[in-house]
Amino acid sequence: MMNYYYELDRDVKMFGRVTCRYLAQFDVHPGKSGLFNAVWHDEAIKNSTRVWLENANGVTLIKGPVTDTSWGRVDEQELVWLKLICKDIESL
């Protein structure tokens, strides 16, 4: 089981209508996701400024600004805030 959290660029609208800047994709099973989830995930990664992966090993920042010196490390307070405000893609 893996959860992804996406911080989208300010001008990006996923599905052409989503205005939420923080989205999440929960309970992703590698190799068993449907085509929709795989295509959506690729688009979300491409259009995100930062992406976090949560799995059995903890949470890791897997995409961030090139100039970010905290690559891979996660601010726990920011992560809690992110989990509270993000929208699940299943609810869109």
Protein backbone atom coordinates (compact mmCIF):
# COMPACT_ATOMS: atom_id res chain seq x y z
CA MET A 1 0.00 0.00 0.00
CA MET A 2 1.28 3.43 -0.95
CA ASN A 3 -0.16 6.92 -0.66
CA TYR A 4 0.92 9.83 -2.84
CA TYR A 5 0.46 13.49 -1.95
CA TYR A 6 0.79 16.09 -4.71
CA GLU A 7 1.37 19.83 -4.52
CA LEU A 8 0.23 21.07 -7.92
CA ASP A 9 1.54 24.15 -9.68
CA ARG A 10 -0.74 27.13 -9.04
CA ASP A 11 -2.02 27.33 -12.63
CA VAL A 12 -2.73 23.59 -13.11
CA LYS A 13 -6.26 22.24 -13.15
CA MET A 14 -6.44 18.46 -13.10
CA PHE A 15 -9.45 17.05 -15.01
CA GLY A 16 -9.89 20.58 -16.34
CA ARG A 17 -11.83 21.68 -13.28
CA VAL A 18 -9.97 20.93 -10.06
CA THR A 19 -8.88 24.09 -8.30
CA CYS A 20 -7.47 22.38 -5.23
CA ARG A 21 -3.71 22.73 -5.05
CA TYR A 22 -3.14 19.66 -2.84
CA LEU A 23 -4.37 16.25 -3.95
CA ALA A 24 -3.83 12.72 -2.70
CA GLN A 25 -4.02 9.25 -4.18
CA PHE A 26 -4.55 6.65 -1.46
CA ASP A 27 -3.98 2.89 -1.32
CA VAL A 28 -2.06 2.57 -4.57
CA HIS A 29 -0.98 -0.97 -5.35
CA PRO A 30 1.92 -1.12 -7.83
CA GLY A 31 1.09 -3.23 -10.85
CA LYS A 32 -2.58 -3.47 -9.91
CA SER A 33 -3.72 0.09 -10.54
CA GLY A 34 -6.17 0.69 -13.32
CA LEU A 35 -5.23 2.59 -16.44
CA PHE A 36 -7.01 5.71 -15.17
CA ASN A 37 -4.93 5.81 -11.98
CA ALA A 38 -1.66 5.25 -13.84
CA VAL A 39 -2.39 8.01 -16.37
CA TRP A 40 -3.62 10.36 -13.63
CA HIS A 41 -0.52 9.69 -11.52
CA ASP A 42 1.82 10.44 -14.43
CA GLU A 43 0.03 13.73 -15.13
CA ALA A 44 0.02 14.68 -11.45
CA ILE A 45 3.76 13.99 -11.13
CA LYS A 46 4.46 16.07 -14.24
CA ASN A 47 2.37 19.01 -13.01
CA SER A 48 3.46 19.00 -9.36
CA THR A 49 6.06 21.12 -7.64
CA ARG A 50 6.43 18.55 -4.88
CA VAL A 51 5.32 14.94 -4.41
CA TRP A 52 5.48 12.83 -1.26
CA LEU A 53 5.31 9.04 -1.08
CA GLU A 54 4.01 7.34 2.06
CA ASN A 55 4.59 3.61 2.38
CA ALA A 56 5.66 1.03 4.98
CA ASN A 57 9.08 2.71 5.22
CA GLY A 58 7.62 6.11 6.17
CA VAL A 59 7.21 9.28 4.13
CA THR A 60 9.71 10.55 1.57
CA LEU A 61 9.76 13.63 -0.64
CA ILE A 62 10.19 12.10 -4.09
CA LYS A 63 9.92 15.29 -6.15
CA GLY A 64 10.88 18.78 -5.11
CA PRO A 65 12.56 21.93 -6.33
CA VAL A 66 16.08 21.40 -7.64
CA THR A 67 17.40 24.05 -5.26
CA ASP A 68 15.80 22.37 -2.22
CA THR A 69 18.55 21.26 0.19
CA SER A 70 16.19 19.02 2.18
CA TRP A 71 15.78 16.48 -0.62
CA GLY A 72 14.10 13.32 0.65
CA ARG A 73 13.46 14.71 4.14
CA VAL A 74 9.95 15.57 5.28
CA ASP A 75 8.82 18.33 7.62
CA GLU A 76 6.41 16.48 9.94
CA GLN A 77 4.28 19.56 10.68
CA GLU A 78 3.93 20.31 6.98
CA LEU A 79 2.93 16.70 6.32
CA VAL A 80 0.16 16.81 8.94
CA TRP A 81 -1.12 20.07 7.41
CA LEU A 82 -0.95 18.53 3.94
CA LYS A 83 -2.97 15.48 5.02
CA LEU A 84 -5.65 17.72 6.51
CA ILE A 85 -6.17 19.91 3.44
CA CYS A 86 -5.60 17.55 0.50
CA LYS A 87 -8.48 16.15 -1.55
CA ASP A 88 -8.63 12.48 -2.46
CA ILE A 89 -8.77 12.00 -6.23
CA GLU A 90 -11.52 9.43 -5.72
CA SER A 91 -13.80 12.23 -4.46
CA LEU A 92 -13.33 14.38 -7.58
